[in-house]
C-alpha atoms as a PDB file:
ATOM      1  CA  MET A   1      -0.201  -0.104  -0.067  1.00  0.00           C
ATOM      2  CA  THR A   2       1.471   3.522  -0.570  1.00  0.00           C
ATOM      3  CA  SER A   3      -0.200   6.441   1.153  1.00  0.00           C
ATOM      4  CA  TYR A   4       0.402  10.217   0.971  1.00  0.00           C
ATOM      5  CA  SER A   5      -0.737  12.831   3.725  1.00  0.00           C
ATOM      6  CA  GLY A   6      -0.093  16.436   3.229  1.00  0.00           C
ATOM      7  CA  PRO A   7      -0.854  19.780   1.464  1.00  0.00           C
ATOM      8  CA  ALA A   8      -3.165  19.311  -1.619  1.00  0.00           C
ATOM      9  CA  THR A   9      -5.219  21.724  -4.139  1.00  0.00           C
ATOM     10  CA  LEU A  10      -8.966  20.470  -5.052  1.00  0.00           C
ATOM     11  CA  ILE A  11      -9.730  21.813  -8.524  1.00  0.00           C
ATOM     12  CA  LEU A  12     -13.669  22.293  -9.184  1.00  0.00           C
ATOM     13  CA  THR A  13     -15.210  21.306 -12.461  1.00  0.00           C
ATOM     14  CA  ASP A  14     -15.585  25.667 -13.193  1.00  0.00           C
ATOM     15  CA  GLY A  15     -11.311  25.759 -12.637  1.00  0.00           C
ATOM     16  CA  ALA A  16     -11.719  26.840  -9.199  1.00  0.00           C
ATOM     17  CA  ARG A  17      -8.729  26.076  -6.914  1.00  0.00           C
ATOM     18  CA  VAL A  18      -9.052  24.809  -3.323  1.00  0.00           C
ATOM     19  CA  ALA A  19      -6.184  24.547  -1.086  1.00  0.00           C
ATOM     20  CA  GLY A  20      -6.416  22.277   1.940  1.00  0.00           C
ATOM     21  CA  MET A  21      -4.767  18.974   3.511  1.00  0.00           C
ATOM     22  CA  ALA A  22      -5.420  15.302   1.723  1.00  0.00           C
ATOM     23  CA  THR A  23      -5.037  11.866   3.265  1.00  0.00           C
ATOM     24  CA  LEU A  24      -4.485   9.394   0.322  1.00  0.00           C
ATOM     25  CA  LYS A  25      -4.115   5.730  -0.095  1.00  0.00           C
ATOM     26  CA  THR A  26      -3.958   2.825  -2.364  1.00  0.00           C
ATOM     27  CA  ASN A  27      -6.258  -0.078  -2.390  1.00  0.00           C
ATOM     28  CA  GLU A  28      -4.695  -3.323  -3.508  1.00  0.00           C
ATOM     29  CA  ARG A  29      -6.393  -5.789  -1.627  1.00  0.00           C
ATOM     30  CA  GLY A  30      -7.554  -8.773  -3.476  1.00  0.00           C
ATOM     31  CA  ASP A  31      -9.633  -7.299  -6.625  1.00  0.00           C
ATOM     32  CA  LEU A  32      -9.790  -4.123  -5.004  1.00  0.00           C
ATOM     33  CA  LYS A  33      -7.611  -1.623  -7.200  1.00  0.00           C
ATOM     34  CA  GLY A  34      -7.539   2.292  -7.136  1.00  0.00           C
ATOM     35  CA  TRP A  35      -7.048   4.891  -4.276  1.00  0.00           C
ATOM     36  CA  THR A  36      -8.910   6.474  -2.026  1.00  0.00           C
ATOM     37  CA  GLY A  37      -8.852   9.079   0.616  1.00  0.00           C
ATOM     38  CA  SER A  38     -10.229  12.321   2.370  1.00  0.00           C
ATOM     39  CA  PHE A  39      -9.923  16.241   1.779  1.00  0.00           C
ATOM     40  CA  ARG A  40      -9.893  19.139   4.295  1.00  0.00           C
ATOM     41  CA  PRO A  41     -10.357  22.534   2.351  1.00  0.00           C
ATOM     42  CA  ASP A  42      -8.906  25.603   4.038  1.00  0.00           C
ATOM     43  CA  GLN A  43     -12.125  26.999   3.620  1.00  0.00           C
ATOM     44  CA  ALA A  44     -15.437  25.392   2.678  1.00  0.00           C
ATOM     45  CA  SER A  45     -17.844  27.066   0.862  1.00  0.00           C
ATOM     46  CA  THR A  46     -21.135  26.107  -0.558  1.00  0.00           C
ATOM     47  CA  GLU A  47     -19.219  25.292  -4.187  1.00  0.00           C
ATOM     48  CA  VAL A  48     -16.763  22.945  -2.102  1.00  0.00           C
ATOM     49  CA  ARG A  49     -19.824  21.218  -0.187  1.00  0.00           C
ATOM     50  CA  ASN A  50     -21.846  20.762  -2.979  1.00  0.00           C
ATOM     51  CA  ALA A  51     -18.973  19.237  -5.404  1.00  0.00           C
ATOM     52  CA  SER A  52     -19.159  15.557  -6.354  1.00  0.00           C
ATOM     53  CA  ASP A  53     -17.980  14.581  -9.704  1.00  0.00           C
ATOM     54  CA  GLY A  54     -15.133  15.446 -12.364  1.00  0.00           C
ATOM     55  CA  LEU A  55     -12.778  16.717  -9.906  1.00  0.00           C
ATOM     56  CA  ARG A  56      -9.229  16.845 -10.002  1.00  0.00           C
ATOM     57  CA  LEU A  57      -6.973  16.613  -7.046  1.00  0.00           C
ATOM     58  CA  GLU A  58      -3.356  18.571  -7.253  1.00  0.00           C
ATOM     59  CA  LEU A  59      -0.671  17.361  -5.222  1.00  0.00           C
ATOM     60  CA  PRO A  60       2.882  19.222  -4.743  1.00  0.00           C
ATOM     61  CA  TYR A  61       5.145  18.899  -7.911  1.00  0.00           C
ATOM     62  CA  GLU A  62       1.653  19.053 -10.225  1.00  0.00           C
ATOM     63  CA  GLU A  63       0.626  15.507  -9.794  1.00  0.00           C
ATOM     64  CA  ILE A  64      -2.794  15.662 -10.564  1.00  0.00           C
ATOM     65  CA  GLY A  65      -5.302  12.736 -10.138  1.00  0.00           C
ATOM     66  CA  GLU A  66      -9.149  12.574 -10.974  1.00  0.00           C
ATOM     67  CA  VAL A  67     -11.401  12.343  -8.261  1.00  0.00           C
ATOM     68  CA  ASP A  68     -15.371  12.319  -7.484  1.00  0.00           C
ATOM     69  CA  VAL A  69     -16.482  13.405  -3.563  1.00  0.00           C
ATOM     70  CA  THR A  70     -18.543   9.879  -2.036  1.00  0.00           C
ATOM     71  CA  GLY A  71     -19.363  12.305   1.433  1.00  0.00           C
ATOM     72  CA  VAL A  72     -19.179  15.330   3.109  1.00  0.00           C
ATOM     73  CA  ARG A  73     -18.780  15.093   6.660  1.00  0.00           C
ATOM     74  CA  ARG A  74     -18.973  18.727   8.663  1.00  0.00           C
ATOM     75  CA  LEU A  75     -16.299  18.735  11.537  1.00  0.00           C
ATOM     76  CA  LEU A  76     -16.735  22.107  12.821  1.00  0.00           C
ATOM     77  CA  ALA A  77     -19.071  24.892  11.970  1.00  0.00           C
ATOM     78  CA  THR A  78     -16.675  26.091   9.534  1.00  0.00           C
ATOM     79  CA  GLN A  79     -14.884  23.005   8.366  1.00  0.00           C
ATOM     80  CA  VAL A  80     -15.619  19.939   6.228  1.00  0.00           C
ATOM     81  CA  LEU A  81     -14.284  16.477   5.990  1.00  0.00           C
ATOM     82  CA  MET A  82     -14.422  15.392   2.158  1.00  0.00           C
ATOM     83  CA  SER A  83     -14.643  11.636   1.366  1.00  0.00           C
ATOM     84  CA  LEU A  84     -12.672  10.939  -2.137  1.00  0.00           C
ATOM     85  CA  VAL A  85     -12.515   8.172  -4.543  1.00  0.00           C
ATOM     86  CA  GLY A  86      -9.799   8.222  -7.351  1.00  0.00           C
ATOM     87  CA  LYS A  87      -9.982   7.412 -10.976  1.00  0.00           C
ATOM     88  CA  GLY A  88      -7.435   6.093 -12.598  1.00  0.00           C
ATOM     89  CA  PRO A  89      -3.718   6.152 -11.621  1.00  0.00           C
ATOM     90  CA  ALA A  90      -2.848   7.580  -8.276  1.00  0.00           C
ATOM     91  CA  PRO A  91      -0.912  11.046  -8.683  1.00  0.00           C
ATOM     92  CA  PHE A  92       1.068   9.985  -5.597  1.00  0.00           C
END
């Protein structure tokens, strides 16, 4: 299993860039392949809370992976944690 934890930028479908922290890992158990993780945006706007498909996650050094949001959970009044599933090769 490979993993990444650190700064990342979520790129919304309209091209807006949202800075935050990501925790990602590859799934390599049995027939499960791919990667999953979570993203905690620095600022949670309505656009971020409603984001779902066709997003990209950019890691440092311009590594980019496509992601879909599978869930959004409120952490505090101003923070959310987004569950992600990666599409294609992992960017880490």
